[in-house]
PDB file of all heavy atoms in Angstrom:
ATOM      1  N   VAL A   1       0.793  -1.207  -0.045  1.00  0.00           N
ATOM      2  CA  VAL A   1      -0.028   0.018  -0.141  1.00  0.00           C
ATOM      3  C   VAL A   1       0.985   1.269   0.041  1.00  0.00           C
ATOM      4  O   VAL A   1       0.660   2.204  -0.754  1.00  0.00           O
ATOM      5  CB  VAL A   1      -0.994  -0.040   1.173  1.00  0.00           C
ATOM      6  CG1 VAL A   1      -1.800   1.288   1.215  1.00  0.00           C
ATOM      7  CG2 VAL A   1      -1.943  -1.271   1.071  1.00  0.00           C
ATOM      8  N   GLU A   2       2.004   1.244   0.774  1.00  0.00           N
ATOM      9  CA  GLU A   2       2.855   2.349   0.681  1.00  0.00           C
ATOM     10  C   GLU A   2       3.459   2.602  -0.665  1.00  0.00           C
ATOM     11  O   GLU A   2       3.560   3.679  -1.200  1.00  0.00           O
ATOM     12  CB  GLU A   2       4.053   2.146   1.655  1.00  0.00           C
ATOM     13  CG  GLU A   2       3.691   2.281   3.152  1.00  0.00           C
ATOM     14  CD  GLU A   2       4.951   1.988   4.115  1.00  0.00           C
ATOM     15  OE1 GLU A   2       5.927   1.962   3.664  1.00  0.00           O
ATOM     16  OE2 GLU A   2       4.487   1.795   5.333  1.00  0.00           O
ATOM     17  N   LEU A   3       3.731   1.534  -1.305  1.00  0.00           N
ATOM     18  CA  LEU A   3       4.335   1.593  -2.749  1.00  0.00           C
ATOM     19  C   LEU A   3       3.326   2.147  -3.726  1.00  0.00           C
ATOM     20  O   LEU A   3       3.387   3.066  -4.536  1.00  0.00           O
ATOM     21  CB  LEU A   3       4.814   0.273  -3.185  1.00  0.00           C
ATOM     22  CG  LEU A   3       5.419   0.256  -4.652  1.00  0.00           C
ATOM     23  CD1 LEU A   3       6.799   1.095  -4.599  1.00  0.00           C
ATOM     24  CD2 LEU A   3       5.779  -1.225  -4.957  1.00  0.00           C
ATOM     25  N   MET A   4       1.975   1.552  -3.535  1.00  0.00           N
ATOM     26  CA  MET A   4       0.908   2.045  -4.380  1.00  0.00           C
ATOM     27  C   MET A   4       0.721   3.542  -4.167  1.00  0.00           C
ATOM     28  O   MET A   4       0.359   4.264  -5.103  1.00  0.00           O
ATOM     29  CB  MET A   4      -0.417   1.346  -3.970  1.00  0.00           C
ATOM     30  CG  MET A   4      -0.531   0.031  -4.398  1.00  0.00           C
ATOM     31  SD  MET A   4      -2.018  -0.847  -3.703  1.00  0.00           S
ATOM     32  CE  MET A   4      -3.313   0.220  -4.458  1.00  0.00           C
ATOM     33  N   THR A   5       0.806   4.014  -2.991  1.00  0.00           N
ATOM     34  CA  THR A   5       0.392   5.487  -2.673  1.00  0.00           C
ATOM     35  C   THR A   5       1.589   6.395  -2.638  1.00  0.00           C
ATOM     36  O   THR A   5       1.406   7.435  -2.095  1.00  0.00           O
ATOM     37  CB  THR A   5      -0.412   5.357  -1.476  1.00  0.00           C
ATOM     38  OG1 THR A   5       0.312   4.967  -0.300  1.00  0.00           O
ATOM     39  CG2 THR A   5      -1.579   4.591  -1.497  1.00  0.00           C
ATOM     40  N   SER A   6       2.704   6.084  -3.192  1.00  0.00           N
ATOM     41  CA  SER A   6       3.892   6.866  -3.401  1.00  0.00           C
ATOM     42  C   SER A   6       4.022   7.345  -4.895  1.00  0.00           C
ATOM     43  O   SER A   6       3.645   6.596  -5.807  1.00  0.00           O
ATOM     44  CB  SER A   6       5.213   6.136  -3.054  1.00  0.00           C
ATOM     45  OG  SER A   6       5.044   5.647  -1.626  1.00  0.00           O
ATOM     46  N   ASP A   7       4.388   8.576  -5.042  1.00  0.00           N
ATOM     47  CA  ASP A   7       4.552   9.130  -6.287  1.00  0.00           C
ATOM     48  C   ASP A   7       5.599   8.455  -7.061  1.00  0.00           C
ATOM     49  O   ASP A   7       6.827   8.351  -6.600  1.00  0.00           O
ATOM     50  CB  ASP A   7       4.817  10.650  -6.216  1.00  0.00           C
ATOM     51  CG  ASP A   7       5.095  11.387  -7.522  1.00  0.00           C
ATOM     52  OD1 ASP A   7       4.338  10.764  -8.530  1.00  0.00           O
ATOM     53  OD2 ASP A   7       5.921  12.293  -7.661  1.00  0.00           O
ATOM     54  N   HIS A   8       5.343   7.889  -8.302  1.00  0.00           N
ATOM     55  CA  HIS A   8       6.257   7.265  -9.213  1.00  0.00           C
ATOM     56  C   HIS A   8       6.695   8.111 -10.379  1.00  0.00           C
ATOM     57  O   HIS A   8       7.536   7.673 -11.168  1.00  0.00           O
ATOM     58  CB  HIS A   8       5.793   5.885  -9.640  1.00  0.00           C
ATOM     59  CG  HIS A   8       5.570   4.901  -8.452  1.00  0.00           C
ATOM     60  ND1 HIS A   8       6.511   3.926  -8.187  1.00  0.00           N
ATOM     61  CD2 HIS A   8       4.644   4.786  -7.599  1.00  0.00           C
ATOM     62  CE1 HIS A   8       6.093   3.261  -7.182  1.00  0.00           C
ATOM     63  NE2 HIS A   8       4.925   3.718  -6.821  1.00  0.00           N
ATOM     64  N   LEU A   9       6.231   9.381 -10.435  1.00  0.00           N
ATOM     65  CA  LEU A   9       6.466  10.258 -11.555  1.00  0.00           C
ATOM     66  C   LEU A   9       7.602  11.200 -11.296  1.00  0.00           C
ATOM     67  O   LEU A   9       8.445  11.475 -12.124  1.00  0.00           O
ATOM     68  CB  LEU A   9       5.256  10.894 -12.049  1.00  0.00           C
ATOM     69  CG  LEU A   9       4.056  10.059 -12.559  1.00  0.00           C
ATOM     70  CD1 LEU A   9       3.026  10.999 -12.975  1.00  0.00           C
ATOM     71  CD2 LEU A   9       4.560   9.070 -13.679  1.00  0.00           C
ATOM     72  N   GLY A  10       7.544  11.738 -10.131  1.00  0.00           N
ATOM     73  CA  GLY A  10       8.369  12.882  -9.923  1.00  0.00           C
ATOM     74  C   GLY A  10       7.990  14.229 -10.597  1.00  0.00           C
ATOM     75  O   GLY A  10       7.211  14.181 -11.402  1.00  0.00           O
ATOM     76  N   PRO A  11       8.651  15.301 -10.021  1.00  0.00           N
ATOM     77  CA  PRO A  11       8.205  16.607 -10.703  1.00  0.00           C
ATOM     78  C   PRO A  11       8.244  16.776 -12.062  1.00  0.00           C
ATOM     79  O   PRO A  11       7.476  17.382 -12.780  1.00  0.00           O
ATOM     80  CB  PRO A  11       9.011  17.644  -9.834  1.00  0.00           C
ATOM     81  CG  PRO A  11       9.943  16.764  -8.952  1.00  0.00           C
ATOM     82  CD  PRO A  11       9.660  15.371  -9.189  1.00  0.00           C
ATOM     83  N   ALA A  12       9.275  16.178 -12.758  1.00  0.00           N
ATOM     84  CA  ALA A  12       9.475  16.426 -14.115  1.00  0.00           C
ATOM     85  C   ALA A  12       8.282  15.930 -15.057  1.00  0.00           C
ATOM     86  O   ALA A  12       7.903  16.452 -16.039  1.00  0.00           O
ATOM     87  CB  ALA A  12      10.793  15.764 -14.680  1.00  0.00           C
ATOM     88  N   LEU A  13       7.763  14.815 -14.527  1.00  0.00           N
ATOM     89  CA  LEU A  13       6.647  14.198 -15.342  1.00  0.00           C
ATOM     90  C   LEU A  13       5.226  14.558 -14.900  1.00  0.00           C
ATOM     91  O   LEU A  13       4.311  14.418 -15.598  1.00  0.00           O
ATOM     92  CB  LEU A  13       6.729  12.676 -15.318  1.00  0.00           C
ATOM     93  CG  LEU A  13       7.887  12.080 -16.007  1.00  0.00           C
ATOM     94  CD1 LEU A  13       7.946  10.595 -15.962  1.00  0.00           C
ATOM     95  CD2 LEU A  13       7.956  12.495 -17.442  1.00  0.00           C
ATOM     96  N   SER A  14       5.082  15.190 -13.740  1.00  0.00           N
ATOM     97  CA  SER A  14       3.824  15.616 -13.127  1.00  0.00           C
ATOM     98  C   SER A  14       3.537  17.072 -13.253  1.00  0.00           C
ATOM     99  O   SER A  14       3.135  17.675 -12.188  1.00  0.00           O
ATOM    100  CB  SER A  14       3.668  15.035 -11.661  1.00  0.00           C
ATOM    101  OG  SER A  14       4.692  15.596 -10.914  1.00  0.00           O
ATOM    102  N   GLN A  15       3.716  17.525 -14.312  1.00  0.00           N
ATOM    103  CA  GLN A  15       3.636  19.057 -14.689  1.00  0.00           C
ATOM    104  C   GLN A  15       2.994  19.143 -16.044  1.00  0.00           C
ATOM    105  O   GLN A  15       2.970  18.318 -16.782  1.00  0.00           O
ATOM    106  CB  GLN A  15       4.834  19.766 -14.576  1.00  0.00           C
ATOM    107  CG  GLN A  15       5.458  19.716 -13.250  1.00  0.00           C
ATOM    108  CD  GLN A  15       6.768  20.518 -13.211  1.00  0.00           C
ATOM    109  OE1 GLN A  15       7.249  21.210 -14.175  1.00  0.00           O
ATOM    110  NE2 GLN A  15       7.489  20.333 -12.112  1.00  0.00           N
ATOM    111  N   GLY A  16       2.450  20.396 -16.198  1.00  0.00           N
ATOM    112  CA  GLY A  16       1.902  20.545 -17.544  1.00  0.00           C
ATOM    113  C   GLY A  16       0.327  20.692 -17.582  1.00  0.00           C
ATOM    114  O   GLY A  16      -0.332  20.119 -16.521  1.00  0.00           O
ATOM    115  N   PRO A  17      -0.224  21.289 -18.439  1.00  0.00           N
ATOM    116  CA  PRO A  17      -1.649  21.565 -18.599  1.00  0.00           C
ATOM    117  C   PRO A  17      -2.517  20.301 -18.740  1.00  0.00           C
ATOM    118  O   PRO A  17      -3.739  20.232 -18.391  1.00  0.00           O
ATOM    119  CB  PRO A  17      -1.859  22.416 -19.776  1.00  0.00           C
ATOM    120  CG  PRO A  17      -0.704  22.214 -20.662  1.00  0.00           C
ATOM    121  CD  PRO A  17       0.490  21.867 -19.672  1.00  0.00           C
ATOM    122  N   ASN A  18      -1.935  19.198 -19.305  1.00  0.00           N
ATOM    123  CA  ASN A  18      -2.714  17.933 -19.445  1.00  0.00           C
ATOM    124  C   ASN A  18      -2.501  16.863 -18.440  1.00  0.00           C
ATOM    125  O   ASN A  18      -2.914  15.820 -18.637  1.00  0.00           O
ATOM    126  CB  ASN A  18      -2.304  17.482 -20.955  1.00  0.00           C
ATOM    127  CG  ASN A  18      -2.855  18.337 -21.995  1.00  0.00           C
ATOM    128  OD1 ASN A  18      -3.866  18.963 -21.922  1.00  0.00           O
ATOM    129  ND2 ASN A  18      -1.919  18.528 -22.971  1.00  0.00           N
ATOM    130  N   PHE A  19      -1.814  17.156 -17.391  1.00  0.00           N
ATOM    131  CA  PHE A  19      -1.505  16.271 -16.253  1.00  0.00           C
ATOM    132  C   PHE A  19      -2.854  16.112 -15.421  1.00  0.00           C
ATOM    133  O   PHE A  19      -3.223  17.052 -14.803  1.00  0.00           O
ATOM    134  CB  PHE A  19      -0.358  16.612 -15.357  1.00  0.00           C
ATOM    135  CG  PHE A  19       0.047  15.657 -14.339  1.00  0.00           C
ATOM    136  CD1 PHE A  19       0.376  14.279 -14.662  1.00  0.00           C
ATOM    137  CD2 PHE A  19      -0.150  15.972 -13.021  1.00  0.00           C
ATOM    138  CE1 PHE A  19       0.624  13.369 -13.738  1.00  0.00           C
ATOM    139  CE2 PHE A  19       0.138  15.058 -12.036  1.00  0.00           C
ATOM    140  CZ  PHE A  19       0.528  13.806 -12.383  1.00  0.00           C
ATOM    141  N   ALA A  20      -3.482  14.880 -15.526  1.00  0.00           N
ATOM    142  CA  ALA A  20      -4.850  14.812 -15.116  1.00  0.00           C
ATOM    143  C   ALA A  20      -4.991  15.036 -13.586  1.00  0.00           C
ATOM    144  O   ALA A  20      -5.928  15.669 -13.173  1.00  0.00           O
ATOM    145  CB  ALA A  20      -5.335  13.402 -15.370  1.00  0.00           C
ATOM    146  N   PRO A  21      -4.207  14.523 -12.668  1.00  0.00           N
ATOM    147  CA  PRO A  21      -4.460  14.820 -11.310  1.00  0.00           C
ATOM    148  C   PRO A  21      -4.357  16.345 -10.962  1.00  0.00           C
ATOM    149  O   PRO A  21      -4.936  16.814 -10.003  1.00  0.00           O
ATOM    150  CB  PRO A  21      -3.496  14.003 -10.508  1.00  0.00           C
ATOM    151  CG  PRO A  21      -3.060  12.930 -11.447  1.00  0.00           C
ATOM    152  CD  PRO A  21      -3.128  13.562 -12.827  1.00  0.00           C
ATOM    153  N   GLY A  22      -3.458  17.022 -11.794  1.00  0.00           N
ATOM    154  CA  GLY A  22      -3.386  18.492 -11.588  1.00  0.00           C
ATOM    155  C   GLY A  22      -2.107  18.834 -10.641  1.00  0.00           C
ATOM    156  O   GLY A  22      -1.396  18.058 -10.190  1.00  0.00           O
ATOM    157  N   PRO A  23      -1.830  20.188 -10.456  1.00  0.00           N
ATOM    158  CA  PRO A  23      -0.742  20.586  -9.714  1.00  0.00           C
ATOM    159  C   PRO A  23      -0.797  20.085  -8.308  1.00  0.00           C
ATOM    160  O   PRO A  23      -1.822  19.942  -7.636  1.00  0.00           O
ATOM    161  CB  PRO A  23      -0.871  22.160  -9.776  1.00  0.00           C
ATOM    162  CG  PRO A  23      -1.898  22.485 -10.841  1.00  0.00           C
ATOM    163  CD  PRO A  23      -2.664  21.210 -10.978  1.00  0.00           C
ATOM    164  N   GLY A  24       0.427  19.753  -7.832  1.00  0.00           N
ATOM    165  CA  GLY A  24       0.491  19.262  -6.441  1.00  0.00           C
ATOM    166  C   GLY A  24       0.300  17.773  -6.289  1.00  0.00           C
ATOM    167  O   GLY A  24       0.379  17.194  -5.213  1.00  0.00           O
ATOM    168  N   TYR A  25       0.121  17.120  -7.429  1.00  0.00           N
ATOM    169  CA  TYR A  25      -0.108  15.644  -7.421  1.00  0.00           C
ATOM    170  C   TYR A  25       0.971  14.885  -8.239  1.00  0.00           C
ATOM    171  O   TYR A  25       1.474  15.553  -9.269  1.00  0.00           O
ATOM    172  CB  TYR A  25      -1.582  15.296  -7.950  1.00  0.00           C
ATOM    173  CG  TYR A  25      -2.588  15.501  -6.899  1.00  0.00           C
ATOM    174  CD1 TYR A  25      -3.193  16.788  -6.829  1.00  0.00           C
ATOM    175  CD2 TYR A  25      -2.955  14.460  -6.261  1.00  0.00           C
ATOM    176  CE1 TYR A  25      -4.190  16.978  -5.830  1.00  0.00           C
ATOM    177  CE2 TYR A  25      -3.973  14.684  -5.249  1.00  0.00           C
ATOM    178  CZ  TYR A  25      -4.617  15.971  -5.088  1.00  0.00           C
ATOM    179  OH  TYR A  25      -5.523  16.108  -4.127  1.00  0.00           O
TER     180      TYR A  25
END
């Protein structure tokens, strides 16, 4: 569960206008 609920993308991939969860996710 800890692995499932940890970010696997990092800031470089979790940005931009089309990133579905949105900023801060």
